[in-house]
Amino acid sequence: MRGEEYLTKTAQYALVYSRGNSIVNERVVMKILPNGLDLSRYGFSISRRVGKAVVRNRVKRLLREIVRLTPLRPGWDIIFIARSKAAGADYTDLEKSVRGLLSRGQLLAQGYEEICFGTN
């Protein structure tokens, strides 16, 4: 992912936290807010409750890779907040969680959802 695809400023995070909608599952919370741009921007929040630094960095790397490989609709600011159950999850569990959240938020690129989940 390129640098402009990340939420970098505290004000950007605060705006999504205060005005964004939440979609939740047992491993990850997703906050979304339309941004009016031609691209979607991402942020990741992994607190100390998830685990020590090694565990938090692993979860963040996995989430980053999942988002990088998942085609999404443009025009959204998205923050992924890891819950403590994310620490024990492997790549496929986190991938199912994240893609399920993105599907519920209708953020998956057109045509990708049918391939991934077999829906018509």
PDB file of N, CA and C in Angstrom:
ATOM      1  N   MET A   1       0.840  -1.180   0.000  1.00  0.00           N
ATOM      2  CA  MET A   1       0.000   0.000   0.000  1.00  0.00           C
ATOM      3  C   MET A   1       0.882   1.238   0.000  1.00  0.00           C
ATOM      4  N   ARG A   2       0.385   2.253  -0.647  1.00  0.00           N
ATOM      5  CA  ARG A   2       1.109   3.511  -0.706  1.00  0.00           C
ATOM      6  C   ARG A   2       0.840   4.329   0.546  1.00  0.00           C
ATOM      7  N   GLY A   3       1.674   5.333   0.780  1.00  0.00           N
ATOM      8  CA  GLY A   3       1.563   6.158   1.977  1.00  0.00           C
ATOM      9  C   GLY A   3       0.270   6.933   2.078  1.00  0.00           C
ATOM     10  N   GLU A   4      -0.293   7.363   0.942  1.00  0.00           N
ATOM     11  CA  GLU A   4      -1.539   8.127   1.001  1.00  0.00           C
ATOM     12  C   GLU A   4      -2.739   7.245   1.327  1.00  0.00           C
ATOM     13  N   GLU A   5      -2.552   5.935   1.370  1.00  0.00           N
ATOM     14  CA  GLU A   5      -3.643   5.033   1.711  1.00  0.00           C
ATOM     15  C   GLU A   5      -3.756   4.782   3.212  1.00  0.00           C
ATOM     16  N   TYR A   6      -2.945   5.459   4.003  1.00  0.00           N
ATOM     17  CA  TYR A   6      -2.990   5.298   5.459  1.00  0.00           C
ATOM     18  C   TYR A   6      -3.555   6.530   6.126  1.00  0.00           C
ATOM     19  N   LEU A   7      -4.264   6.319   7.211  1.00  0.00           N
ATOM     20  CA  LEU A   7      -4.626   7.424   8.096  1.00  0.00           C
ATOM     21  C   LEU A   7      -3.404   7.694   8.958  1.00  0.00           C
ATOM     22  N   THR A   8      -2.907   8.919   8.934  1.00  0.00           N
ATOM     23  CA  THR A   8      -1.656   9.200   9.623  1.00  0.00           C
ATOM     24  C   THR A   8      -1.797  10.207  10.754  1.00  0.00           C
ATOM     25  N   LYS A   9      -2.743  11.083  10.678  1.00  0.00           N
ATOM     26  CA  LYS A   9      -2.853  12.154  11.658  1.00  0.00           C
ATOM     27  C   LYS A   9      -3.869  11.801  12.746  1.00  0.00           C
ATOM     28  N   THR A  10      -3.625  12.297  13.919  1.00  0.00           N
ATOM     29  CA  THR A  10      -4.526  12.068  15.050  1.00  0.00           C
ATOM     30  C   THR A  10      -5.922  12.592  14.746  1.00  0.00           C
ATOM     31  N   ALA A  11      -6.004  13.717  14.054  1.00  0.00           N
ATOM     32  CA  ALA A  11      -7.304  14.305  13.723  1.00  0.00           C
ATOM     33  C   ALA A  11      -8.105  13.390  12.792  1.00  0.00           C
ATOM     34  N   GLN A  12      -7.417  12.703  11.886  1.00  0.00           N
ATOM     35  CA  GLN A  12      -8.100  11.766  10.991  1.00  0.00           C
ATOM     36  C   GLN A  12      -8.699  10.601  11.781  1.00  0.00           C
ATOM     37  N   TYR A  13      -7.928  10.069  12.708  1.00  0.00           N
ATOM     38  CA  TYR A  13      -8.424   8.988  13.563  1.00  0.00           C
ATOM     39  C   TYR A  13      -9.593   9.475  14.411  1.00  0.00           C
ATOM     40  N   ALA A  14      -9.462  10.661  14.989  1.00  0.00           N
ATOM     41  CA  ALA A  14     -10.513  11.194  15.858  1.00  0.00           C
ATOM     42  C   ALA A  14     -11.820  11.386  15.101  1.00  0.00           C
ATOM     43  N   LEU A  15     -11.725  11.831  13.859  1.00  0.00           N
ATOM     44  CA  LEU A  15     -12.926  12.033  13.051  1.00  0.00           C
ATOM     45  C   LEU A  15     -13.646  10.710  12.786  1.00  0.00           C
ATOM     46  N   VAL A  16     -12.892   9.680  12.446  1.00  0.00           N
ATOM     47  CA  VAL A  16     -13.510   8.371  12.184  1.00  0.00           C
ATOM     48  C   VAL A  16     -14.079   7.790  13.476  1.00  0.00           C
ATOM     49  N   TYR A  17     -13.346   7.943  14.585  1.00  0.00           N
ATOM     50  CA  TYR A  17     -13.850   7.432  15.864  1.00  0.00           C
ATOM     51  C   TYR A  17     -15.144   8.129  16.272  1.00  0.00           C
ATOM     52  N   SER A  18     -15.225   9.441  16.075  1.00  0.00           N
ATOM     53  CA  SER A  18     -16.390  10.176  16.569  1.00  0.00           C
ATOM     54  C   SER A  18     -17.600  10.073  15.637  1.00  0.00           C
ATOM     55  N   ARG A  19     -17.383  10.113  14.328  1.00  0.00           N
ATOM     56  CA  ARG A  19     -18.503  10.140  13.395  1.00  0.00           C
ATOM     57  C   ARG A  19     -18.739   8.834  12.649  1.00  0.00           C
ATOM     58  N   GLY A  20     -17.811   7.905  12.729  1.00  0.00           N
ATOM     59  CA  GLY A  20     -17.911   6.675  11.947  1.00  0.00           C
ATOM     60  C   GLY A  20     -18.869   5.659  12.526  1.00  0.00           C
ATOM     61  N   ASN A  21     -19.292   4.739  11.683  1.00  0.00           N
ATOM     62  CA  ASN A  21     -20.137   3.617  12.095  1.00  0.00           C
ATOM     63  C   ASN A  21     -19.251   2.440  12.481  1.00  0.00           C
ATOM     64  N   SER A  22     -19.714   1.653  13.441  1.00  0.00           N
ATOM     65  CA  SER A  22     -18.958   0.499  13.906  1.00  0.00           C
ATOM     66  C   SER A  22     -19.596  -0.792  13.420  1.00  0.00           C
ATOM     67  N   ILE A  23     -18.740  -1.724  13.030  1.00  0.00           N
ATOM     68  CA  ILE A  23     -19.161  -3.082  12.719  1.00  0.00           C
ATOM     69  C   ILE A  23     -18.230  -3.985  13.520  1.00  0.00           C
ATOM     70  N   VAL A  24     -18.800  -4.957  14.230  1.00  0.00           N
ATOM     71  CA  VAL A  24     -18.053  -5.690  15.246  1.00  0.00           C
ATOM     72  C   VAL A  24     -18.154  -7.195  15.024  1.00  0.00           C
ATOM     73  N   ASN A  25     -17.064  -7.898  15.300  1.00  0.00           N
ATOM     74  CA  ASN A  25     -17.114  -9.338  15.497  1.00  0.00           C
ATOM     75  C   ASN A  25     -16.183  -9.673  16.657  1.00  0.00           C
ATOM     76  N   GLU A  26     -15.936 -10.948  16.898  1.00  0.00           N
ATOM     77  CA  GLU A  26     -15.212 -11.320  18.114  1.00  0.00           C
ATOM     78  C   GLU A  26     -13.724 -10.981  18.078  1.00  0.00           C
ATOM     79  N   ARG A  27     -13.135 -10.804  16.896  1.00  0.00           N
ATOM     80  CA  ARG A  27     -11.696 -10.543  16.809  1.00  0.00           C
ATOM     81  C   ARG A  27     -11.346  -9.106  16.456  1.00  0.00           C
ATOM     82  N   VAL A  28     -12.213  -8.443  15.676  1.00  0.00           N
ATOM     83  CA  VAL A  28     -11.883  -7.120  15.148  1.00  0.00           C
ATOM     84  C   VAL A  28     -13.113  -6.222  15.181  1.00  0.00           C
ATOM     85  N   VAL A  29     -12.880  -4.937  15.449  1.00  0.00           N
ATOM     86  CA  VAL A  29     -13.900  -3.901  15.321  1.00  0.00           C
ATOM     87  C   VAL A  29     -13.492  -3.037  14.137  1.00  0.00           C
ATOM     88  N   MET A  30     -14.454  -2.701  13.288  1.00  0.00           N
ATOM     89  CA  MET A  30     -14.168  -1.858  12.138  1.00  0.00           C
ATOM     90  C   MET A  30     -14.998  -0.585  12.229  1.00  0.00           C
ATOM     91  N   LYS A  31     -14.341   0.566  12.166  1.00  0.00           N
ATOM     92  CA  LYS A  31     -15.011   1.864  12.135  1.00  0.00           C
ATOM     93  C   LYS A  31     -14.870   2.402  10.726  1.00  0.00           C
ATOM     94  N   ILE A  32     -15.979   2.844  10.120  1.00  0.00           N
ATOM     95  CA  ILE A  32     -15.938   3.331   8.749  1.00  0.00           C
ATOM     96  C   ILE A  32     -16.598   4.699   8.644  1.00  0.00           C
ATOM     97  N   LEU A  33     -16.068   5.512   7.732  1.00  0.00           N
ATOM     98  CA  LEU A  33     -16.604   6.845   7.485  1.00  0.00           C
ATOM     99  C   LEU A  33     -16.299   7.218   6.035  1.00  0.00           C
ATOM    100  N   PRO A  34     -17.295   7.684   5.264  1.00  0.00           N
ATOM    101  CA  PRO A  34     -17.003   8.126   3.896  1.00  0.00           C
ATOM    102  C   PRO A  34     -16.054   9.320   3.923  1.00  0.00           C
ATOM    103  N   ASN A  35     -15.090   9.352   2.967  1.00  0.00           N
ATOM    104  CA  ASN A  35     -14.121  10.446   2.971  1.00  0.00           C
ATOM    105  C   ASN A  35     -14.198  11.335   1.739  1.00  0.00           C
ATOM    106  N   GLY A  36     -14.969  10.969   0.723  1.00  0.00           N
ATOM    107  CA  GLY A  36     -15.121  11.792  -0.460  1.00  0.00           C
ATOM    108  C   GLY A  36     -13.901  11.822  -1.370  1.00  0.00           C
ATOM    109  N   LEU A  37     -12.946  10.942  -1.173  1.00  0.00           N
ATOM    110  CA  LEU A  37     -11.750  10.874  -2.005  1.00  0.00           C
ATOM    111  C   LEU A  37     -11.876   9.743  -3.015  1.00  0.00           C
ATOM    112  N   ASP A  38     -10.908   9.652  -3.922  1.00  0.00           N
ATOM    113  CA  ASP A  38     -10.894   8.584  -4.915  1.00  0.00           C
ATOM    114  C   ASP A  38     -10.209   7.318  -4.420  1.00  0.00           C
ATOM    115  N   LEU A  39      -9.838   7.291  -3.163  1.00  0.00           N
ATOM    116  CA  LEU A  39      -9.200   6.118  -2.591  1.00  0.00           C
ATOM    117  C   LEU A  39      -9.669   5.926  -1.165  1.00  0.00           C
ATOM    118  N   SER A  40      -9.525   4.712  -0.691  1.00  0.00           N
ATOM    119  CA  SER A  40      -9.839   4.417   0.698  1.00  0.00           C
ATOM    120  C   SER A  40      -8.562   4.490   1.516  1.00  0.00           C
ATOM    121  N   ARG A  41      -8.684   4.993   2.747  1.00  0.00           N
ATOM    122  CA  ARG A  41      -7.536   5.092   3.648  1.00  0.00           C
ATOM    123  C   ARG A  41      -7.783   4.183   4.840  1.00  0.00           C
ATOM    124  N   TYR A  42      -6.688   3.616   5.373  1.00  0.00           N
ATOM    125  CA  TYR A  42      -6.790   2.614   6.422  1.00  0.00           C
ATOM    126  C   TYR A  42      -5.983   3.032   7.631  1.00  0.00           C
ATOM    127  N   GLY A  43      -6.440   2.597   8.795  1.00  0.00           N
ATOM    128  CA  GLY A  43      -5.701   2.765  10.028  1.00  0.00           C
ATOM    129  C   GLY A  43      -5.865   1.511  10.862  1.00  0.00           C
ATOM    130  N   PHE A  44      -4.902   1.263  11.705  1.00  0.00           N
ATOM    131  CA  PHE A  44      -4.928   0.061  12.546  1.00  0.00           C
ATOM    132  C   PHE A  44      -4.659   0.482  13.979  1.00  0.00           C
ATOM    133  N   SER A  45      -5.457  -0.056  14.900  1.00  0.00           N
ATOM    134  CA  SER A  45      -5.298   0.251  16.312  1.00  0.00           C
ATOM    135  C   SER A  45      -5.241  -1.066  17.083  1.00  0.00           C
ATOM    136  N   ILE A  46      -4.094  -1.314  17.691  1.00  0.00           N
ATOM    137  CA  ILE A  46      -3.915  -2.534  18.464  1.00  0.00           C
ATOM    138  C   ILE A  46      -3.438  -2.124  19.853  1.00  0.00           C
ATOM    139  N   SER A  47      -4.284  -2.298  20.844  1.00  0.00           N
ATOM    140  CA  SER A  47      -3.950  -1.831  22.185  1.00  0.00           C
ATOM    141  C   SER A  47      -3.119  -2.855  22.947  1.00  0.00           C
ATOM    142  N   ARG A  48      -2.649  -2.471  24.096  1.00  0.00           N
ATOM    143  CA  ARG A  48      -1.834  -3.358  24.934  1.00  0.00           C
ATOM    144  C   ARG A  48      -2.617  -4.541  25.474  1.00  0.00           C
ATOM    145  N   ARG A  49      -3.935  -4.447  25.455  1.00  0.00           N
ATOM    146  CA  ARG A  49      -4.752  -5.572  25.901  1.00  0.00           C
ATOM    147  C   ARG A  49      -4.606  -6.781  24.986  1.00  0.00           C
ATOM    148  N   VAL A  50      -4.185  -6.540  23.750  1.00  0.00           N
ATOM    149  CA  VAL A  50      -4.008  -7.636  22.801  1.00  0.00           C
ATOM    150  C   VAL A  50      -2.810  -8.485  23.204  1.00  0.00           C
ATOM    151  N   GLY A  51      -1.772  -7.858  23.716  1.00  0.00           N
ATOM    152  CA  GLY A  51      -0.593  -8.610  24.132  1.00  0.00           C
ATOM    153  C   GLY A  51       0.629  -7.723  24.162  1.00  0.00           C
ATOM    154  N   LYS A  52       1.773  -8.359  24.316  1.00  0.00           N
ATOM    155  CA  LYS A  52       3.035  -7.612  24.331  1.00  0.00           C
ATOM    156  C   LYS A  52       3.371  -7.165  22.913  1.00  0.00           C
ATOM    157  N   ALA A  53       4.458  -6.419  22.776  1.00  0.00           N
ATOM    158  CA  ALA A  53       4.799  -5.770  21.509  1.00  0.00           C
ATOM    159  C   ALA A  53       4.920  -6.753  20.349  1.00  0.00           C
ATOM    160  N   VAL A  54       5.517  -7.911  20.594  1.00  0.00           N
ATOM    161  CA  VAL A  54       5.684  -8.895  19.522  1.00  0.00           C
ATOM    162  C   VAL A  54       4.329  -9.348  18.998  1.00  0.00           C
ATOM    163  N   VAL A  55       3.397  -9.602  19.874  1.00  0.00           N
ATOM    164  CA  VAL A  55       2.059 -10.055  19.489  1.00  0.00           C
ATOM    165  C   VAL A  55       1.311  -8.935  18.777  1.00  0.00           C
ATOM    166  N   ARG A  56       1.376  -7.722  19.309  1.00  0.00           N
ATOM    167  CA  ARG A  56       0.699  -6.588  18.673  1.00  0.00           C
ATOM    168  C   ARG A  56       1.235  -6.337  17.268  1.00  0.00           C
ATOM    169  N   ASN A  57       2.549  -6.394  17.094  1.00  0.00           N
ATOM    170  CA  ASN A  57       3.138  -6.169  15.778  1.00  0.00           C
ATOM    171  C   ASN A  57       2.743  -7.269  14.796  1.00  0.00           C
ATOM    172  N   ARG A  58       2.661  -8.509  15.271  1.00  0.00           N
ATOM    173  CA  ARG A  58       2.242  -9.616  14.413  1.00  0.00           C
ATOM    174  C   ARG A  58       0.807  -9.410  13.941  1.00  0.00           C
ATOM    175  N   VAL A  59      -0.074  -9.039  14.858  1.00  0.00           N
ATOM    176  CA  VAL A  59      -1.471  -8.811  14.497  1.00  0.00           C
ATOM    177  C   VAL A  59      -1.571  -7.656  13.495  1.00  0.00           C
ATOM    178  N   LYS A  60      -0.811  -6.600  13.717  1.00  0.00           N
ATOM    179  CA  LYS A  60      -0.844  -5.458  12.804  1.00  0.00           C
ATOM    180  C   LYS A  60      -0.328  -5.848  11.415  1.00  0.00           C
ATOM    181  N   ARG A  61       0.733  -6.635  11.354  1.00  0.00           N
ATOM    182  CA  ARG A  61       1.258  -7.087  10.063  1.00  0.00           C
ATOM    183  C   ARG A  61       0.232  -7.944   9.325  1.00  0.00           C
ATOM    184  N   LEU A  62      -0.429  -8.842  10.050  1.00  0.00           N
ATOM    185  CA  LEU A  62      -1.438  -9.696   9.423  1.00  0.00           C
ATOM    186  C   LEU A  62      -2.607  -8.864   8.890  1.00  0.00           C
ATOM    187  N   LEU A  63      -3.088  -7.920   9.693  1.00  0.00           N
ATOM    188  CA  LEU A  63      -4.199  -7.069   9.253  1.00  0.00           C
ATOM    189  C   LEU A  63      -3.806  -6.247   8.030  1.00  0.00           C
ATOM    190  N   ARG A  64      -2.597  -5.708   8.039  1.00  0.00           N
ATOM    191  CA  ARG A  64      -2.117  -4.918   6.901  1.00  0.00           C
ATOM    192  C   ARG A  64      -2.086  -5.752   5.620  1.00  0.00           C
ATOM    193  N   GLU A  65      -1.605  -6.978   5.729  1.00  0.00           N
ATOM    194  CA  GLU A  65      -1.516  -7.851   4.564  1.00  0.00           C
ATOM    195  C   GLU A  65      -2.900  -8.240   4.056  1.00  0.00           C
ATOM    196  N   ILE A  66      -3.824  -8.506   4.957  1.00  0.00           N
ATOM    197  CA  ILE A  66      -5.185  -8.848   4.559  1.00  0.00           C
ATOM    198  C   ILE A  66      -5.823  -7.690   3.802  1.00  0.00           C
ATOM    199  N   VAL A  67      -5.676  -6.483   4.313  1.00  0.00           N
ATOM    200  CA  VAL A  67      -6.256  -5.313   3.650  1.00  0.00           C
ATOM    201  C   VAL A  67      -5.571  -5.056   2.307  1.00  0.00           C
ATOM    202  N   ARG A  68      -4.272  -5.283   2.250  1.00  0.00           N
ATOM    203  CA  ARG A  68      -3.540  -5.058   1.004  1.00  0.00           C
ATOM    204  C   ARG A  68      -4.035  -5.985  -0.106  1.00  0.00           C
ATOM    205  N   LEU A  69      -4.369  -7.220   0.235  1.00  0.00           N
ATOM    206  CA  LEU A  69      -4.792  -8.205  -0.747  1.00  0.00           C
ATOM    207  C   LEU A  69      -6.286  -8.186  -1.054  1.00  0.00           C
ATOM    208  N   THR A  70      -7.056  -7.389  -0.338  1.00  0.00           N
ATOM    209  CA  THR A  70      -8.504  -7.348  -0.510  1.00  0.00           C
ATOM    210  C   THR A  70      -8.900  -6.106  -1.301  1.00  0.00           C
ATOM    211  N   PRO A  71      -9.496  -6.272  -2.491  1.00  0.00           N
ATOM    212  CA  PRO A  71      -9.932  -5.097  -3.254  1.00  0.00           C
ATOM    213  C   PRO A  71     -11.176  -4.470  -2.623  1.00  0.00           C
ATOM    214  N   LEU A  72     -11.100  -3.171  -2.369  1.00  0.00           N
ATOM    215  CA  LEU A  72     -12.186  -2.460  -1.692  1.00  0.00           C
ATOM    216  C   LEU A  72     -12.713  -1.327  -2.555  1.00  0.00           C
ATOM    217  N   ARG A  73     -13.937  -0.910  -2.259  1.00  0.00           N
ATOM    218  CA  ARG A  73     -14.507   0.258  -2.920  1.00  0.00           C
ATOM    219  C   ARG A  73     -13.773   1.501  -2.443  1.00  0.00           C
ATOM    220  N   PRO A  74     -13.514   2.456  -3.322  1.00  0.00           N
ATOM    221  CA  PRO A  74     -12.833   3.685  -2.916  1.00  0.00           C
ATOM    222  C   PRO A  74     -13.774   4.637  -2.185  1.00  0.00           C
ATOM    223  N   GLY A  75     -13.172   5.573  -1.450  1.00  0.00           N
ATOM    224  CA  GLY A  75     -13.949   6.639  -0.826  1.00  0.00           C
ATOM    225  C   GLY A  75     -14.280   6.437   0.637  1.00  0.00           C
ATOM    226  N   TRP A  76     -13.503   5.635   1.347  1.00  0.00           N
ATOM    227  CA  TRP A  76     -13.806   5.357   2.754  1.00  0.00           C
ATOM    228  C   TRP A  76     -12.562   5.495   3.617  1.00  0.00           C
ATOM    229  N   ASP A  77     -12.751   5.965   4.840  1.00  0.00           N
ATOM    230  CA  ASP A  77     -11.730   5.890   5.884  1.00  0.00           C
ATOM    231  C   ASP A  77     -12.121   4.724   6.779  1.00  0.00           C
ATOM    232  N   ILE A  78     -11.191   3.811   6.991  1.00  0.00           N
ATOM    233  CA  ILE A  78     -11.478   2.579   7.725  1.00  0.00           C
ATOM    234  C   ILE A  78     -10.428   2.394   8.808  1.00  0.00           C
ATOM    235  N   ILE A  79     -10.877   2.151  10.034  1.00  0.00           N
ATOM    236  CA  ILE A  79      -9.976   1.823  11.127  1.00  0.00           C
ATOM    237  C   ILE A  79     -10.316   0.421  11.614  1.00  0.00           C
ATOM    238  N   PHE A  80      -9.297  -0.419  11.689  1.00  0.00           N
ATOM    239  CA  PHE A  80      -9.449  -1.766  12.226  1.00  0.00           C
ATOM    240  C   PHE A  80      -8.884  -1.766  13.638  1.00  0.00           C
ATOM    241  N   ILE A  81      -9.707  -2.148  14.604  1.00  0.00           N
ATOM    242  CA  ILE A  81      -9.317  -2.178  16.010  1.00  0.00           C
ATOM    243  C   ILE A  81      -9.291  -3.641  16.439  1.00  0.00           C
ATOM    244  N   ALA A  82      -8.113  -4.122  16.800  1.00  0.00           N
ATOM    245  CA  ALA A  82      -7.967  -5.526  17.179  1.00  0.00           C
ATOM    246  C   ALA A  82      -8.465  -5.739  18.608  1.00  0.00           C
ATOM    247  N   ARG A  83      -9.189  -6.816  18.811  1.00  0.00           N
ATOM    248  CA  ARG A  83      -9.611  -7.226  20.145  1.00  0.00           C
ATOM    249  C   ARG A  83      -8.632  -8.273  20.663  1.00  0.00           C
ATOM    250  N   SER A  84      -8.746  -8.615  21.930  1.00  0.00           N
ATOM    251  CA  SER A  84      -7.778  -9.530  22.523  1.00  0.00           C
ATOM    252  C   SER A  84      -7.803 -10.916  21.889  1.00  0.00           C
ATOM    253  N   LYS A  85      -8.937 -11.360  21.332  1.00  0.00           N
ATOM    254  CA  LYS A  85      -8.992 -12.669  20.672  1.00  0.00           C
ATOM    255  C   LYS A  85      -8.183 -12.695  19.381  1.00  0.00           C
ATOM    256  N   ALA A  86      -7.831 -11.541  18.848  1.00  0.00           N
ATOM    257  CA  ALA A  86      -7.028 -11.490  17.625  1.00  0.00           C
ATOM    258  C   ALA A  86      -5.613 -12.007  17.871  1.00  0.00           C
ATOM    259  N   ALA A  87      -5.153 -11.935  19.112  1.00  0.00           N
ATOM    260  CA  ALA A  87      -3.789 -12.374  19.431  1.00  0.00           C
ATOM    261  C   ALA A  87      -3.602 -13.860  19.167  1.00  0.00           C
ATOM    262  N   GLY A  88      -4.609 -14.670  19.417  1.00  0.00           N
ATOM    263  CA  GLY A  88      -4.496 -16.102  19.225  1.00  0.00           C
ATOM    264  C   GLY A  88      -4.928 -16.579  17.852  1.00  0.00           C
ATOM    265  N   ALA A  89      -5.356 -15.663  16.997  1.00  0.00           N
ATOM    266  CA  ALA A  89      -5.865 -16.047  15.691  1.00  0.00           C
ATOM    267  C   ALA A  89      -4.736 -16.175  14.673  1.00  0.00           C
ATOM    268  N   ASP A  90      -4.894 -17.124  13.755  1.00  0.00           N
ATOM    269  CA  ASP A  90      -3.929 -17.225  12.667  1.00  0.00           C
ATOM    270  C   ASP A  90      -4.437 -16.401  11.479  1.00  0.00           C
ATOM    271  N   TYR A  91      -3.692 -16.446  10.382  1.00  0.00           N
ATOM    272  CA  TYR A  91      -4.006 -15.608   9.227  1.00  0.00           C
ATOM    273  C   TYR A  91      -5.409 -15.879   8.687  1.00  0.00           C
ATOM    274  N   THR A  92      -5.779 -17.139   8.533  1.00  0.00           N
ATOM    275  CA  THR A  92      -7.071 -17.449   7.935  1.00  0.00           C
ATOM    276  C   THR A  92      -8.235 -17.009   8.821  1.00  0.00           C
ATOM    277  N   ASP A  93      -8.081 -17.138  10.138  1.00  0.00           N
ATOM    278  CA  ASP A  93      -9.140 -16.678  11.047  1.00  0.00           C
ATOM    279  C   ASP A  93      -9.317 -15.169  10.961  1.00  0.00           C
ATOM    280  N   LEU A  94      -8.204 -14.445  10.973  1.00  0.00           N
ATOM    281  CA  LEU A  94      -8.284 -12.984  10.861  1.00  0.00           C
ATOM    282  C   LEU A  94      -8.825 -12.575   9.500  1.00  0.00           C
ATOM    283  N   GLU A  95      -8.428 -13.280   8.465  1.00  0.00           N
ATOM    284  CA  GLU A  95      -8.907 -12.959   7.122  1.00  0.00           C
ATOM    285  C   GLU A  95     -10.421 -13.123   7.030  1.00  0.00           C
ATOM    286  N   LYS A  96     -10.953 -14.210   7.575  1.00  0.00           N
ATOM    287  CA  LYS A  96     -12.399 -14.422   7.580  1.00  0.00           C
ATOM    288  C   LYS A  96     -13.102 -13.321   8.365  1.00  0.00           C
ATOM    289  N   SER A  97     -12.527 -12.933   9.502  1.00  0.00           N
ATOM    290  CA  SER A  97     -13.126 -11.885  10.317  1.00  0.00           C
ATOM    291  C   SER A  97     -13.160 -10.554   9.580  1.00  0.00           C
ATOM    292  N   VAL A  98     -12.026 -10.171   9.002  1.00  0.00           N
ATOM    293  CA  VAL A  98     -11.933  -8.875   8.324  1.00  0.00           C
ATOM    294  C   VAL A  98     -12.818  -8.854   7.085  1.00  0.00           C
ATOM    295  N   ARG A  99     -12.765  -9.905   6.287  1.00  0.00           N
ATOM    296  CA  ARG A  99     -13.589  -9.919   5.073  1.00  0.00           C
ATOM    297  C   ARG A  99     -15.077  -9.988   5.400  1.00  0.00           C
ATOM    298  N   GLY A 100     -15.422 -10.644   6.493  1.00  0.00           N
ATOM    299  CA  GLY A 100     -16.812 -10.636   6.927  1.00  0.00           C
ATOM    300  C   GLY A 100     -17.271  -9.245   7.314  1.00  0.00           C
ATOM    301  N   LEU A 101     -16.416  -8.508   8.021  1.00  0.00           N
ATOM    302  CA  LEU A 101     -16.753  -7.132   8.393  1.00  0.00           C
ATOM    303  C   LEU A 101     -16.874  -6.247   7.159  1.00  0.00           C
ATOM    304  N   LEU A 102     -15.938  -6.383   6.227  1.00  0.00           N
ATOM    305  CA  LEU A 102     -15.975  -5.574   5.015  1.00  0.00           C
ATOM    306  C   LEU A 102     -17.216  -5.904   4.182  1.00  0.00           C
ATOM    307  N   SER A 103     -17.606  -7.159   4.171  1.00  0.00           N
ATOM    308  CA  SER A 103     -18.807  -7.558   3.454  1.00  0.00           C
ATOM    309  C   SER A 103     -20.055  -6.966   4.107  1.00  0.00           C
ATOM    310  N   ARG A 104     -20.119  -7.021   5.429  1.00  0.00           N
ATOM    311  CA  ARG A 104     -21.267  -6.452   6.137  1.00  0.00           C
ATOM    312  C   ARG A 104     -21.358  -4.948   5.943  1.00  0.00           C
ATOM    313  N   GLY A 105     -20.217  -4.284   5.805  1.00  0.00           N
ATOM    314  CA  GLY A 105     -20.197  -2.853   5.557  1.00  0.00           C
ATOM    315  C   GLY A 105     -20.319  -2.493   4.092  1.00  0.00           C
ATOM    316  N   GLN A 106     -20.457  -3.499   3.215  1.00  0.00           N
ATOM    317  CA  GLN A 106     -20.581  -3.337   1.778  1.00  0.00           C
ATOM    318  C   GLN A 106     -19.413  -2.531   1.205  1.00  0.00           C
ATOM    319  N   LEU A 107     -18.204  -2.871   1.642  1.00  0.00           N
ATOM    320  CA  LEU A 107     -17.007  -2.174   1.201  1.00  0.00           C
ATOM    321  C   LEU A 107     -16.163  -2.985   0.232  1.00  0.00           C
ATOM    322  N   LEU A 108     -16.509  -4.245   0.003  1.00  0.00           N
ATOM    323  CA  LEU A 108     -15.749  -5.064  -0.940  1.00  0.00           C
ATOM    324  C   LEU A 108     -16.014  -4.582  -2.363  1.00  0.00           C
ATOM    325  N   ALA A 109     -14.986  -4.638  -3.206  1.00  0.00           N
ATOM    326  CA  ALA A 109     -15.117  -4.214  -4.595  1.00  0.00           C
ATOM    327  C   ALA A 109     -16.177  -5.049  -5.301  1.00  0.00           C
ATOM    328  N   GLN A 110     -16.820  -4.438  -6.269  1.00  0.00           N
ATOM    329  CA  GLN A 110     -17.883  -5.104  -7.017  1.00  0.00           C
ATOM    330  C   GLN A 110     -17.343  -6.374  -7.670  1.00  0.00           C
ATOM    331  N   GLY A 111     -18.041  -7.466  -7.554  1.00  0.00           N
ATOM    332  CA  GLY A 111     -17.635  -8.731  -8.144  1.00  0.00           C
ATOM    333  C   GLY A 111     -16.774  -9.580  -7.223  1.00  0.00           C
ATOM    334  N   TYR A 112     -16.068  -8.970  -6.293  1.00  0.00           N
ATOM    335  CA  TYR A 112     -15.190  -9.736  -5.407  1.00  0.00           C
ATOM    336  C   TYR A 112     -15.997 -10.520  -4.389  1.00  0.00           C
ATOM    337  N   GLU A 113     -17.081  -9.948  -3.919  1.00  0.00           N
ATOM    338  CA  GLU A 113     -17.887 -10.601  -2.892  1.00  0.00           C
ATOM    339  C   GLU A 113     -18.507 -11.896  -3.417  1.00  0.00           C
ATOM    340  N   GLU A 114     -18.952 -11.900  -4.675  1.00  0.00           N
ATOM    341  CA  GLU A 114     -19.530 -13.106  -5.232  1.00  0.00           C
ATOM    342  C   GLU A 114     -18.501 -14.231  -5.323  1.00  0.00           C
ATOM    343  N   ILE A 115     -17.295 -13.873  -5.702  1.00  0.00           N
ATOM    344  CA  ILE A 115     -16.228 -14.877  -5.812  1.00  0.00           C
ATOM    345  C   ILE A 115     -15.855 -15.412  -4.431  1.00  0.00           C
ATOM    346  N   CYS A 116     -15.721 -14.514  -3.474  1.00  0.00           N
ATOM    347  CA  CYS A 116     -15.230 -14.874  -2.153  1.00  0.00           C
ATOM    348  C   CYS A 116     -16.261 -15.669  -1.349  1.00  0.00           C
ATOM    349  N   PHE A 117     -17.514 -15.230  -1.378  1.00  0.00           N
ATOM    350  CA  PHE A 117     -18.515 -15.832  -0.515  1.00  0.00           C
ATOM    351  C   PHE A 117     -19.532 -16.674  -1.274  1.00  0.00           C
ATOM    352  N   GLY A 118     -19.466 -16.696  -2.590  1.00  0.00           N
ATOM    353  CA  GLY A 118     -20.378 -17.525  -3.380  1.00  0.00           C
ATOM    354  C   GLY A 118     -21.804 -17.052  -3.350  1.00  0.00           C
ATOM    355  N   THR A 119     -22.022 -15.750  -3.206  1.00  0.00           N
ATOM    356  CA  THR A 119     -23.383 -15.215  -3.183  1.00  0.00           C
ATOM    357  C   THR A 119     -23.734 -14.649  -4.554  1.00  0.00           C
ATOM    358  N   ASN A 120     -24.991 -14.576  -4.855  1.00  0.00           N
ATOM    359  CA  ASN A 120     -25.450 -13.991  -6.133  1.00  0.00           C
ATOM    360  C   ASN A 120     -26.485 -12.952  -5.885  1.00  0.00           C
TER     361      ASN A 120
END
